[in-house]
Amino acid sequence: MLQQPPNPSWPARALSLGVDILPGAGVATTTAFLALTAPTDGWTRWLFTTLFGLTLCVLMVHRLVLPSLTGWTLGRALIGMAVQGRTGEPVGILRLTARELAHLLDTLSFFVGWLWPLWDRRRRTFADLLVRTEVRRVERPSRDIHRLVGGVLMGATVLCAGTASLGYVTTYAHERAVSQAKAQIAEQGPRIVEQMLSYSAESIQQDFARAQALTTDGYRPQLIAQQRAAQDAGAASNEYWAVSSAVLPVPPVTPDEATMLVALQGQRGTDPKDLKFITATVRVDFRKADGQWRVGNLTVLKKPHMNQAAGQ
């Protein structure tokens, strides 16, 4: 009677598990990290999230479905071993699933369960003891298994490197675009507000047209209505200048949207005897259209306060 070969050694099982788990775990970890750091409104987040989900599905199929159909996983085929019942019977999907879940006990026991095969006579982990399975040596299925394992490892490495490079480029490009948007708004925003709110009685039509060109299509009708009301009331000259401004962190700045607080001072009228000084604070939403920053909305937080010129 032929003697049954000994069950695979602990190093052989560790190598098999590494081949089965590490390529997928590397891809899943990389794509999960990139999905969390990608811009929330960008296509890359959906791409990385999809790749993460597909990787988990492949891992589950590889560890649970493939062994029940062929008897193998990639790592076990490389070593020449298979998970079997105590009498050598094949193990189905449900039993394999229970075994994988039972590996949590191997881990939660401070990894003692994973080391148990070092002194167990039949080289079983806690998971094997619970679901009554053993890992036994069998004949390798193919001579080309080394090439297949090498191809999988190379593919996983290339996928990790490719997604990491894509994540770096897109995230870096996004952050750079946001930094540029902040710098542009910090410089251009106050000037845009000054030009939009300032006008002269002598050139009011031209000044109003200039102000309308500084707004988005959505906000322009509201500005036109305000201009008509001011003109019907006999608008005097208004001149504003920004004395303080700040780009707000909320809502977050994007390459095409930003919000700013602007503190304004100015004067109304041209007659020195009737000159009034003005102070106001506004919140301005900027949006980029056709490569130019325009006012998407303007909210007065502190209504204009007018004081008669000193000495008048």
C-alpha atoms as a PDB file:
ATOM      1  CA  MET A   1       0.000   0.000   0.000  1.00  0.00           C
ATOM      2  CA  LEU A   2       1.430   3.346  -1.047  1.00  0.00           C
ATOM      3  CA  GLN A   3       2.129   5.753   1.766  1.00  0.00           C
ATOM      4  CA  GLN A   4       0.265   9.071   1.428  1.00  0.00           C
ATOM      5  CA  PRO A   5       2.664  11.999   0.975  1.00  0.00           C
ATOM      6  CA  PRO A   6       2.859  14.343   3.953  1.00  0.00           C
ATOM      7  CA  ASN A   7       0.683  17.393   3.973  1.00  0.00           C
ATOM      8  CA  PRO A   8       2.391  20.547   2.632  1.00  0.00           C
ATOM      9  CA  SER A   9       4.772  22.338   4.980  1.00  0.00           C
ATOM     10  CA  TRP A  10       3.983  25.683   6.582  1.00  0.00           C
ATOM     11  CA  PRO A  11       6.354  27.630   4.243  1.00  0.00           C
ATOM     12  CA  ALA A  12       4.708  25.998   1.226  1.00  0.00           C
ATOM     13  CA  ARG A  13       1.252  26.978   2.466  1.00  0.00           C
ATOM     14  CA  ALA A  14       2.448  30.509   3.230  1.00  0.00           C
ATOM     15  CA  LEU A  15       3.836  30.824  -0.306  1.00  0.00           C
ATOM     16  CA  SER A  16       0.577  29.545  -1.772  1.00  0.00           C
ATOM     17  CA  LEU A  17      -1.475  32.005   0.275  1.00  0.00           C
ATOM     18  CA  GLY A  18       0.816  34.866  -0.734  1.00  0.00           C
ATOM     19  CA  VAL A  19       0.416  34.056  -4.432  1.00  0.00           C
ATOM     20  CA  ASP A  20      -3.373  33.865  -4.023  1.00  0.00           C
ATOM     21  CA  ILE A  21      -3.850  36.999  -1.916  1.00  0.00           C
ATOM     22  CA  LEU A  22      -1.048  39.506  -2.365  1.00  0.00           C
ATOM     23  CA  PRO A  23      -1.567  40.497  -6.043  1.00  0.00           C
ATOM     24  CA  GLY A  24      -5.280  41.175  -5.506  1.00  0.00           C
ATOM     25  CA  ALA A  25      -4.695  42.777  -2.112  1.00  0.00           C
ATOM     26  CA  GLY A  26      -2.117  45.088  -3.641  1.00  0.00           C
ATOM     27  CA  VAL A  27      -4.487  46.194  -6.403  1.00  0.00           C
ATOM     28  CA  ALA A  28      -7.418  46.559  -3.968  1.00  0.00           C
ATOM     29  CA  THR A  29      -5.375  48.611  -1.497  1.00  0.00           C
ATOM     30  CA  THR A  30      -4.006  50.867  -4.236  1.00  0.00           C
ATOM     31  CA  THR A  31      -7.373  51.522  -5.875  1.00  0.00           C
ATOM     32  CA  ALA A  32      -9.127  52.043  -2.512  1.00  0.00           C
ATOM     33  CA  PHE A  33      -6.561  54.654  -1.466  1.00  0.00           C
ATOM     34  CA  LEU A  34      -6.758  56.384  -4.835  1.00  0.00           C
ATOM     35  CA  ALA A  35     -10.575  56.401  -4.723  1.00  0.00           C
ATOM     36  CA  LEU A  36     -10.506  58.092  -1.321  1.00  0.00           C
ATOM     37  CA  THR A  37      -8.003  60.744  -2.425  1.00  0.00           C
ATOM     38  CA  ALA A  38      -9.452  61.399  -5.900  1.00  0.00           C
ATOM     39  CA  PRO A  39     -11.583  64.523  -6.477  1.00  0.00           C
ATOM     40  CA  THR A  40     -15.166  63.843  -5.412  1.00  0.00           C
ATOM     41  CA  ASP A  41     -16.597  65.182  -8.671  1.00  0.00           C
ATOM     42  CA  GLY A  42     -13.995  63.572 -10.928  1.00  0.00           C
ATOM     43  CA  TRP A  43     -14.237  60.542 -13.192  1.00  0.00           C
ATOM     44  CA  THR A  44     -11.158  58.990 -11.603  1.00  0.00           C
ATOM     45  CA  ARG A  45     -13.014  58.328  -8.331  1.00  0.00           C
ATOM     46  CA  TRP A  46     -15.581  56.239 -10.192  1.00  0.00           C
ATOM     47  CA  LEU A  47     -12.817  54.444 -12.101  1.00  0.00           C
ATOM     48  CA  PHE A  48     -10.837  53.561  -8.974  1.00  0.00           C
ATOM     49  CA  THR A  49     -13.984  52.532  -7.085  1.00  0.00           C
ATOM     50  CA  THR A  50     -15.006  50.260  -9.964  1.00  0.00           C
ATOM     51  CA  LEU A  51     -11.547  48.685 -10.120  1.00  0.00           C
ATOM     52  CA  PHE A  52     -11.645  48.132  -6.359  1.00  0.00           C
ATOM     53  CA  GLY A  53     -15.004  46.356  -6.584  1.00  0.00           C
ATOM     54  CA  LEU A  54     -13.892  44.221  -9.548  1.00  0.00           C
ATOM     55  CA  THR A  55     -10.716  43.222  -7.699  1.00  0.00           C
ATOM     56  CA  LEU A  56     -12.709  42.029  -4.692  1.00  0.00           C
ATOM     57  CA  CYS A  57     -14.966  40.027  -7.003  1.00  0.00           C
ATOM     58  CA  VAL A  58     -11.964  38.397  -8.694  1.00  0.00           C
ATOM     59  CA  LEU A  59     -10.478  37.515  -5.299  1.00  0.00           C
ATOM     60  CA  MET A  60     -13.738  35.893  -4.193  1.00  0.00           C
ATOM     61  CA  VAL A  61     -14.079  33.921  -7.425  1.00  0.00           C
ATOM     62  CA  HIS A  62     -10.451  32.833  -7.211  1.00  0.00           C
ATOM     63  CA  ARG A  63     -10.631  31.662  -3.598  1.00  0.00           C
ATOM     64  CA  LEU A  64     -14.188  30.270  -3.495  1.00  0.00           C
ATOM     65  CA  VAL A  65     -15.556  29.410  -6.934  1.00  0.00           C
ATOM     66  CA  LEU A  66     -12.445  28.269  -8.814  1.00  0.00           C
ATOM     67  CA  PRO A  67     -11.380  25.646  -6.219  1.00  0.00           C
ATOM     68  CA  SER A  68     -14.871  24.151  -6.146  1.00  0.00           C
ATOM     69  CA  LEU A  69     -14.825  23.789  -9.944  1.00  0.00           C
ATOM     70  CA  THR A  70     -11.209  22.795 -10.609  1.00  0.00           C
ATOM     71  CA  GLY A  71      -9.810  21.976  -7.200  1.00  0.00           C
ATOM     72  CA  TRP A  72      -7.202  24.696  -7.529  1.00  0.00           C
ATOM     73  CA  THR A  73      -6.272  28.234  -6.789  1.00  0.00           C
ATOM     74  CA  LEU A  74      -3.265  29.726  -8.499  1.00  0.00           C
ATOM     75  CA  GLY A  75      -1.053  29.466  -5.437  1.00  0.00           C
ATOM     76  CA  ARG A  76      -2.110  25.895  -4.642  1.00  0.00           C
ATOM     77  CA  ALA A  77      -1.538  24.847  -8.250  1.00  0.00           C
ATOM     78  CA  LEU A  78       1.951  26.324  -8.071  1.00  0.00           C
ATOM     79  CA  ILE A  79       2.832  24.282  -4.981  1.00  0.00           C
ATOM     80  CA  GLY A  80       0.830  21.208  -5.923  1.00  0.00           C
ATOM     81  CA  MET A  81      -1.763  21.023  -3.161  1.00  0.00           C
ATOM     82  CA  ALA A  82      -5.519  21.241  -2.676  1.00  0.00           C
ATOM     83  CA  VAL A  83      -8.083  21.733   0.080  1.00  0.00           C
ATOM     84  CA  GLN A  84      -9.964  18.504   0.710  1.00  0.00           C
ATOM     85  CA  GLY A  85     -12.224  16.955   3.297  1.00  0.00           C
ATOM     86  CA  ARG A  86     -10.808  14.573   5.871  1.00  0.00           C
ATOM     87  CA  THR A  87     -11.586  11.589   3.661  1.00  0.00           C
ATOM     88  CA  GLY A  88     -10.240  13.275   0.524  1.00  0.00           C
ATOM     89  CA  GLU A  89     -13.610  14.410  -0.795  1.00  0.00           C
ATOM     90  CA  PRO A  90     -13.857  17.689  -2.774  1.00  0.00           C
ATOM     91  CA  VAL A  91     -14.881  20.838  -0.897  1.00  0.00           C
ATOM     92  CA  GLY A  92     -17.768  22.940  -2.187  1.00  0.00           C
ATOM     93  CA  ILE A  93     -18.344  26.694  -2.270  1.00  0.00           C
ATOM     94  CA  LEU A  94     -20.242  26.862   1.019  1.00  0.00           C
ATOM     95  CA  ARG A  95     -17.572  24.953   2.887  1.00  0.00           C
ATOM     96  CA  LEU A  96     -14.813  27.007   1.315  1.00  0.00           C
ATOM     97  CA  THR A  97     -16.663  30.180   2.282  1.00  0.00           C
ATOM     98  CA  ALA A  98     -16.971  28.958   5.857  1.00  0.00           C
ATOM     99  CA  ARG A  99     -13.252  28.153   5.848  1.00  0.00           C
ATOM    100  CA  GLU A 100     -12.342  31.638   4.638  1.00  0.00           C
ATOM    101  CA  LEU A 101     -14.536  33.225   7.317  1.00  0.00           C
ATOM    102  CA  ALA A 102     -12.993  30.931   9.930  1.00  0.00           C
ATOM    103  CA  HIS A 103      -9.585  32.352   9.004  1.00  0.00           C
ATOM    104  CA  LEU A 104     -10.710  35.396  11.005  1.00  0.00           C
ATOM    105  CA  LEU A 105     -10.211  33.236  14.090  1.00  0.00           C
ATOM    106  CA  ASP A 106      -6.691  32.435  12.887  1.00  0.00           C
ATOM    107  CA  THR A 107      -6.023  36.182  12.763  1.00  0.00           C
ATOM    108  CA  LEU A 108      -7.887  37.267  15.901  1.00  0.00           C
ATOM    109  CA  SER A 109      -5.933  34.735  17.954  1.00  0.00           C
ATOM    110  CA  PHE A 110      -2.843  36.936  17.438  1.00  0.00           C
ATOM    111  CA  PHE A 111      -2.029  34.834  14.342  1.00  0.00           C
ATOM    112  CA  VAL A 112      -1.594  31.672  16.425  1.00  0.00           C
ATOM    113  CA  GLY A 113      -4.090  29.942  14.153  1.00  0.00           C
ATOM    114  CA  TRP A 114      -1.938  30.637  11.126  1.00  0.00           C
ATOM    115  CA  LEU A 115       1.094  29.194  12.940  1.00  0.00           C
ATOM    116  CA  TRP A 116      -0.757  26.119  14.213  1.00  0.00           C
ATOM    117  CA  PRO A 117       0.367  23.943  11.239  1.00  0.00           C
ATOM    118  CA  LEU A 118       3.947  24.233  12.517  1.00  0.00           C
ATOM    119  CA  TRP A 119       3.196  21.756  15.327  1.00  0.00           C
ATOM    120  CA  ASP A 120      -0.083  20.148  14.267  1.00  0.00           C
ATOM    121  CA  ARG A 121       0.532  16.572  13.072  1.00  0.00           C
ATOM    122  CA  ARG A 122      -1.748  17.062  10.058  1.00  0.00           C
ATOM    123  CA  ARG A 123      -0.670  20.682   9.567  1.00  0.00           C
ATOM    124  CA  ARG A 124      -4.075  22.279  10.011  1.00  0.00           C
ATOM    125  CA  THR A 125      -5.019  25.832  10.907  1.00  0.00           C
ATOM    126  CA  PHE A 126      -7.856  26.692  13.268  1.00  0.00           C
ATOM    127  CA  ALA A 127     -10.032  27.184  10.178  1.00  0.00           C
ATOM    128  CA  ASP A 128      -9.233  23.643   9.019  1.00  0.00           C
ATOM    129  CA  LEU A 129     -10.083  22.277  12.444  1.00  0.00           C
ATOM    130  CA  LEU A 130     -13.439  24.077  12.489  1.00  0.00           C
ATOM    131  CA  VAL A 131     -14.686  23.068   9.026  1.00  0.00           C
ATOM    132  CA  ARG A 132     -12.930  19.666   8.955  1.00  0.00           C
ATOM    133  CA  THR A 133     -10.646  20.263   6.005  1.00  0.00           C
ATOM    134  CA  GLU A 134      -7.009  19.544   5.257  1.00  0.00           C
ATOM    135  CA  VAL A 135      -4.530  20.863   2.738  1.00  0.00           C
ATOM    136  CA  ARG A 136      -2.919  17.896   0.978  1.00  0.00           C
ATOM    137  CA  ARG A 137      -0.287  17.454  -1.651  1.00  0.00           C
ATOM    138  CA  VAL A 138      -1.533  16.555  -5.123  1.00  0.00           C
ATOM    139  CA  GLU A 139      -0.031  16.495  -8.561  1.00  0.00           C
ATOM    140  CA  ARG A 140       0.383  19.881 -10.243  1.00  0.00           C
ATOM    141  CA  PRO A 141      -2.166  20.539 -12.989  1.00  0.00           C
ATOM    142  CA  SER A 142       0.147  22.014 -15.620  1.00  0.00           C
ATOM    143  CA  ARG A 143       3.782  22.588 -16.432  1.00  0.00           C
ATOM    144  CA  ASP A 144       2.984  26.166 -17.482  1.00  0.00           C
ATOM    145  CA  ILE A 145       1.776  27.173 -14.030  1.00  0.00           C
ATOM    146  CA  HIS A 146       4.993  29.066 -13.305  1.00  0.00           C
ATOM    147  CA  ARG A 147       4.465  31.201 -16.400  1.00  0.00           C
ATOM    148  CA  LEU A 148       0.844  31.831 -15.437  1.00  0.00           C
ATOM    149  CA  VAL A 149       1.817  32.866 -11.905  1.00  0.00           C
ATOM    150  CA  GLY A 150       4.504  35.154 -13.290  1.00  0.00           C
ATOM    151  CA  GLY A 151       1.995  36.727 -15.667  1.00  0.00           C
ATOM    152  CA  VAL A 152      -0.518  37.365 -12.886  1.00  0.00           C
ATOM    153  CA  LEU A 153       2.124  38.912 -10.633  1.00  0.00           C
ATOM    154  CA  MET A 154       3.398  41.072 -13.481  1.00  0.00           C
ATOM    155  CA  GLY A 155      -0.136  42.123 -14.436  1.00  0.00           C
ATOM    156  CA  ALA A 156      -0.965  43.089 -10.853  1.00  0.00           C
ATOM    157  CA  THR A 157       2.272  45.058 -10.582  1.00  0.00           C
ATOM    158  CA  VAL A 158       1.590  46.904 -13.822  1.00  0.00           C
ATOM    159  CA  LEU A 159      -2.012  47.620 -12.783  1.00  0.00           C
ATOM    160  CA  CYS A 160      -0.890  48.989  -9.399  1.00  0.00           C
ATOM    161  CA  ALA A 161       1.787  51.124 -11.014  1.00  0.00           C
ATOM    162  CA  GLY A 162      -0.572  52.344 -13.732  1.00  0.00           C
ATOM    163  CA  THR A 163      -3.405  53.295 -11.401  1.00  0.00           C
ATOM    164  CA  ALA A 164      -0.977  54.915  -8.970  1.00  0.00           C
ATOM    165  CA  SER A 165       0.520  56.974 -11.802  1.00  0.00           C
ATOM    166  CA  LEU A 166      -2.933  57.946 -13.060  1.00  0.00           C
ATOM    167  CA  GLY A 167      -3.996  58.891  -9.545  1.00  0.00           C
ATOM    168  CA  TYR A 168      -0.906  60.978  -9.017  1.00  0.00           C
ATOM    169  CA  VAL A 169      -1.275  62.798 -12.313  1.00  0.00           C
ATOM    170  CA  THR A 170      -4.995  63.490 -11.958  1.00  0.00           C
ATOM    171  CA  THR A 171      -4.837  64.398  -8.268  1.00  0.00           C
ATOM    172  CA  TYR A 172      -1.785  66.561  -8.783  1.00  0.00           C
ATOM    173  CA  ALA A 173      -3.394  68.226 -11.777  1.00  0.00           C
ATOM    174  CA  HIS A 174      -6.576  68.858  -9.785  1.00  0.00           C
ATOM    175  CA  GLU A 175      -4.725  70.284  -6.794  1.00  0.00           C
ATOM    176  CA  ARG A 176      -2.631  72.465  -9.065  1.00  0.00           C
ATOM    177  CA  ALA A 177      -5.777  73.720 -10.822  1.00  0.00           C
ATOM    178  CA  VAL A 178      -7.386  74.494  -7.449  1.00  0.00           C
ATOM    179  CA  SER A 179      -4.282  76.388  -6.315  1.00  0.00           C
ATOM    180  CA  GLN A 180      -4.306  78.370  -9.546  1.00  0.00           C
ATOM    181  CA  ALA A 181      -8.018  79.130  -9.107  1.00  0.00           C
ATOM    182  CA  LYS A 182      -7.418  80.420  -5.568  1.00  0.00           C
ATOM    183  CA  ALA A 183      -4.577  82.626  -6.749  1.00  0.00           C
ATOM    184  CA  GLN A 184      -6.603  83.966  -9.671  1.00  0.00           C
ATOM    185  CA  ILE A 185      -9.641  84.762  -7.536  1.00  0.00           C
ATOM    186  CA  ALA A 186      -7.525  86.361  -4.822  1.00  0.00           C
ATOM    187  CA  GLU A 187      -6.058  88.688  -7.463  1.00  0.00           C
ATOM    188  CA  GLN A 188      -8.932  89.191  -9.912  1.00  0.00           C
ATOM    189  CA  GLY A 189     -11.977  88.845  -7.648  1.00  0.00           C
ATOM    190  CA  PRO A 190     -11.827  92.240  -5.893  1.00  0.00           C
ATOM    191  CA  ARG A 191     -11.151  94.025  -9.195  1.00  0.00           C
ATOM    192  CA  ILE A 192     -14.124  92.307 -10.843  1.00  0.00           C
ATOM    193  CA  VAL A 193     -16.443  93.367  -8.007  1.00  0.00           C
ATOM    194  CA  GLU A 194     -15.155  96.950  -8.167  1.00  0.00           C
ATOM    195  CA  GLN A 195     -15.770  97.159 -11.911  1.00  0.00           C
ATOM    196  CA  MET A 196     -19.205  95.554 -11.670  1.00  0.00           C
ATOM    197  CA  LEU A 197     -20.484  97.914  -8.960  1.00  0.00           C
ATOM    198  CA  SER A 198     -18.827 101.156 -10.095  1.00  0.00           C
ATOM    199  CA  TYR A 199     -20.358 103.446 -12.689  1.00  0.00           C
ATOM    200  CA  SER A 200     -20.407 107.078 -13.672  1.00  0.00           C
ATOM    201  CA  ALA A 201     -23.530 109.126 -14.399  1.00  0.00           C
ATOM    202  CA  GLU A 202     -21.892 110.450 -17.583  1.00  0.00           C
ATOM    203  CA  SER A 203     -21.157 106.963 -19.010  1.00  0.00           C
ATOM    204  CA  ILE A 204     -23.754 104.883 -17.242  1.00  0.00           C
ATOM    205  CA  GLN A 205     -24.831 102.826 -20.265  1.00  0.00           C
ATOM    206  CA  GLN A 206     -21.270 101.812 -21.128  1.00  0.00           C
ATOM    207  CA  ASP A 207     -20.504 101.074 -17.463  1.00  0.00           C
ATOM    208  CA  PHE A 208     -23.640  98.961 -17.105  1.00  0.00           C
ATOM    209  CA  ALA A 209     -22.750  97.010 -20.244  1.00  0.00           C
ATOM    210  CA  ARG A 210     -19.255  96.423 -18.871  1.00  0.00           C
ATOM    211  CA  ALA A 211     -20.727  95.170 -15.595  1.00  0.00           C
ATOM    212  CA  GLN A 212     -23.065  92.778 -17.430  1.00  0.00           C
ATOM    213  CA  ALA A 213     -20.102  91.279 -19.280  1.00  0.00           C
ATOM    214  CA  LEU A 214     -18.542  90.400 -15.916  1.00  0.00           C
ATOM    215  CA  THR A 215     -21.464  88.149 -14.885  1.00  0.00           C
ATOM    216  CA  THR A 216     -22.642  84.675 -15.831  1.00  0.00           C
ATOM    217  CA  ASP A 217     -25.726  84.114 -17.942  1.00  0.00           C
ATOM    218  CA  GLY A 218     -27.627  83.003 -14.872  1.00  0.00           C
ATOM    219  CA  TYR A 219     -26.912  86.094 -12.781  1.00  0.00           C
ATOM    220  CA  ARG A 220     -27.060  88.679 -15.566  1.00  0.00           C
ATOM    221  CA  PRO A 221     -30.879  89.170 -15.568  1.00  0.00           C
ATOM    222  CA  GLN A 222     -30.808  89.952 -11.849  1.00  0.00           C
ATOM    223  CA  LEU A 223     -28.047  92.519 -12.352  1.00  0.00           C
ATOM    224  CA  ILE A 224     -29.915  94.116 -15.274  1.00  0.00           C
ATOM    225  CA  ALA A 225     -33.028  94.494 -13.120  1.00  0.00           C
ATOM    226  CA  GLN A 226     -30.983  96.201 -10.409  1.00  0.00           C
ATOM    227  CA  GLN A 227     -29.377  98.520 -12.954  1.00  0.00           C
ATOM    228  CA  ARG A 228     -32.759  99.531 -14.388  1.00  0.00           C
ATOM    229  CA  ALA A 229     -34.096 100.254 -10.919  1.00  0.00           C
ATOM    230  CA  ALA A 230     -31.054 102.403 -10.134  1.00  0.00           C
ATOM    231  CA  GLN A 231     -31.362 104.233 -13.440  1.00  0.00           C
ATOM    232  CA  ASP A 232     -35.087 104.891 -12.953  1.00  0.00           C
ATOM    233  CA  ALA A 233     -34.286 106.345  -9.531  1.00  0.00           C
ATOM    234  CA  GLY A 234     -31.833 108.785 -11.098  1.00  0.00           C
ATOM    235  CA  ALA A 235     -28.629 106.979 -10.188  1.00  0.00           C
ATOM    236  CA  ALA A 236     -25.675 109.113  -9.262  1.00  0.00           C
ATOM    237  CA  SER A 237     -22.089 108.122  -9.870  1.00  0.00           C
ATOM    238  CA  ASN A 238     -20.844 105.267  -7.690  1.00  0.00           C
ATOM    239  CA  GLU A 239     -17.222 104.314  -7.238  1.00  0.00           C
ATOM    240  CA  TYR A 240     -16.189 101.298  -5.148  1.00  0.00           C
ATOM    241  CA  TRP A 241     -12.835  99.907  -4.166  1.00  0.00           C
ATOM    242  CA  ALA A 242     -12.053  96.741  -2.220  1.00  0.00           C
ATOM    243  CA  VAL A 243     -10.251  97.295   1.061  1.00  0.00           C
ATOM    244  CA  SER A 244     -10.213  93.658   2.184  1.00  0.00           C
ATOM    245  CA  SER A 245     -11.018  90.284   0.662  1.00  0.00           C
ATOM    246  CA  ALA A 246     -10.682  86.577   1.411  1.00  0.00           C
ATOM    247  CA  VAL A 247     -11.320  83.376  -0.544  1.00  0.00           C
ATOM    248  CA  LEU A 248     -13.662  81.187   1.502  1.00  0.00           C
ATOM    249  CA  PRO A 249     -12.800  77.518   2.144  1.00  0.00           C
ATOM    250  CA  VAL A 250     -16.502  76.579   2.236  1.00  0.00           C
ATOM    251  CA  PRO A 251     -17.815  75.711  -0.238  1.00  0.00           C
ATOM    252  CA  PRO A 252     -14.518  74.169  -1.419  1.00  0.00           C
ATOM    253  CA  VAL A 253     -12.728  75.927  -4.244  1.00  0.00           C
ATOM    254  CA  THR A 254     -12.731  74.004  -7.511  1.00  0.00           C
ATOM    255  CA  PRO A 255     -10.955  74.831 -10.762  1.00  0.00           C
ATOM    256  CA  ASP A 256     -14.189  76.475 -11.997  1.00  0.00           C
ATOM    257  CA  GLU A 257     -15.899  77.783  -8.836  1.00  0.00           C
ATOM    258  CA  ALA A 258     -14.876  79.902  -5.856  1.00  0.00           C
ATOM    259  CA  THR A 259     -16.498  82.089  -3.223  1.00  0.00           C
ATOM    260  CA  MET A 260     -15.065  85.287  -1.752  1.00  0.00           C
ATOM    261  CA  LEU A 261     -15.886  87.830   0.924  1.00  0.00           C
ATOM    262  CA  VAL A 262     -15.161  91.411  -0.095  1.00  0.00           C
ATOM    263  CA  ALA A 263     -15.230  94.474   2.130  1.00  0.00           C
ATOM    264  CA  LEU A 264     -15.861  97.621   0.074  1.00  0.00           C
ATOM    265  CA  GLN A 265     -15.533 101.317   0.511  1.00  0.00           C
ATOM    266  CA  GLY A 266     -16.571 103.936  -1.966  1.00  0.00           C
ATOM    267  CA  GLN A 267     -18.216 107.210  -2.688  1.00  0.00           C
ATOM    268  CA  ARG A 268     -21.510 108.239  -4.251  1.00  0.00           C
ATOM    269  CA  GLY A 269     -21.941 111.406  -6.259  1.00  0.00           C
ATOM    270  CA  THR A 270     -19.498 113.855  -7.800  1.00  0.00           C
ATOM    271  CA  ASP A 271     -20.441 117.136  -6.151  1.00  0.00           C
ATOM    272  CA  PRO A 272     -18.035 117.713  -3.220  1.00  0.00           C
ATOM    273  CA  LYS A 273     -20.879 119.327  -1.292  1.00  0.00           C
ATOM    274  CA  ASP A 274     -23.092 116.255  -1.612  1.00  0.00           C
ATOM    275  CA  LEU A 275     -20.468 113.523  -1.653  1.00  0.00           C
ATOM    276  CA  LYS A 276     -21.294 110.433   0.413  1.00  0.00           C
ATOM    277  CA  PHE A 277     -18.874 107.757   1.590  1.00  0.00           C
ATOM    278  CA  ILE A 278     -20.065 104.129   1.351  1.00  0.00           C
ATOM    279  CA  THR A 279     -19.064 100.946   3.160  1.00  0.00           C
ATOM    280  CA  ALA A 280     -20.449  97.480   2.408  1.00  0.00           C
ATOM    281  CA  THR A 281     -19.581  93.781   2.680  1.00  0.00           C
ATOM    282  CA  VAL A 282     -20.572  91.278   0.011  1.00  0.00           C
ATOM    283  CA  ARG A 283     -20.262  87.555  -0.598  1.00  0.00           C
ATOM    284  CA  VAL A 284     -19.511  86.777  -4.219  1.00  0.00           C
ATOM    285  CA  ASP A 285     -19.758  83.420  -5.992  1.00  0.00           C
ATOM    286  CA  PHE A 286     -17.433  83.243  -8.974  1.00  0.00           C
ATOM    287  CA  ARG A 287     -17.667  80.796 -11.844  1.00  0.00           C
ATOM    288  CA  LYS A 288     -15.319  80.359 -14.747  1.00  0.00           C
ATOM    289  CA  ALA A 289     -16.914  80.618 -18.179  1.00  0.00           C
ATOM    290  CA  ASP A 290     -15.005  80.613 -21.453  1.00  0.00           C
ATOM    291  CA  GLY A 291     -11.759  80.745 -19.506  1.00  0.00           C
ATOM    292  CA  GLN A 292     -12.762  83.928 -17.631  1.00  0.00           C
ATOM    293  CA  TRP A 293     -13.930  84.374 -14.067  1.00  0.00           C
ATOM    294  CA  ARG A 294     -17.382  85.891 -13.818  1.00  0.00           C
ATOM    295  CA  VAL A 295     -19.770  86.717 -11.000  1.00  0.00           C
ATOM    296  CA  GLY A 296     -22.346  83.954 -10.559  1.00  0.00           C
ATOM    297  CA  ASN A 297     -24.074  85.526  -7.588  1.00  0.00           C
ATOM    298  CA  LEU A 298     -23.585  88.469  -5.249  1.00  0.00           C
ATOM    299  CA  THR A 299     -25.103  88.619  -1.774  1.00  0.00           C
ATOM    300  CA  VAL A 300     -24.944  91.754   0.351  1.00  0.00           C
ATOM    301  CA  LEU A 301     -24.023  90.757   3.901  1.00  0.00           C
ATOM    302  CA  LYS A 302     -23.678  94.260   5.251  1.00  0.00           C
ATOM    303  CA  LYS A 303     -25.869  96.768   3.454  1.00  0.00           C
ATOM    304  CA  PRO A 304     -24.196  99.921   2.136  1.00  0.00           C
ATOM    305  CA  HIS A 305     -23.805 102.505   4.889  1.00  0.00           C
ATOM    306  CA  MET A 306     -23.472 106.070   3.708  1.00  0.00           C
ATOM    307  CA  ASN A 307     -21.899 108.940   5.588  1.00  0.00           C
ATOM    308  CA  GLN A 308     -21.762 112.560   4.526  1.00  0.00           C
ATOM    309  CA  ALA A 309     -18.260 113.689   3.594  1.00  0.00           C
ATOM    310  CA  ALA A 310     -16.361 115.134   6.551  1.00  0.00           C
ATOM    311  CA  GLY A 311     -16.723 118.885   6.935  1.00  0.00           C
ATOM    312  CA  GLN A 312     -19.845 119.117   4.785  1.00  0.00           C
END
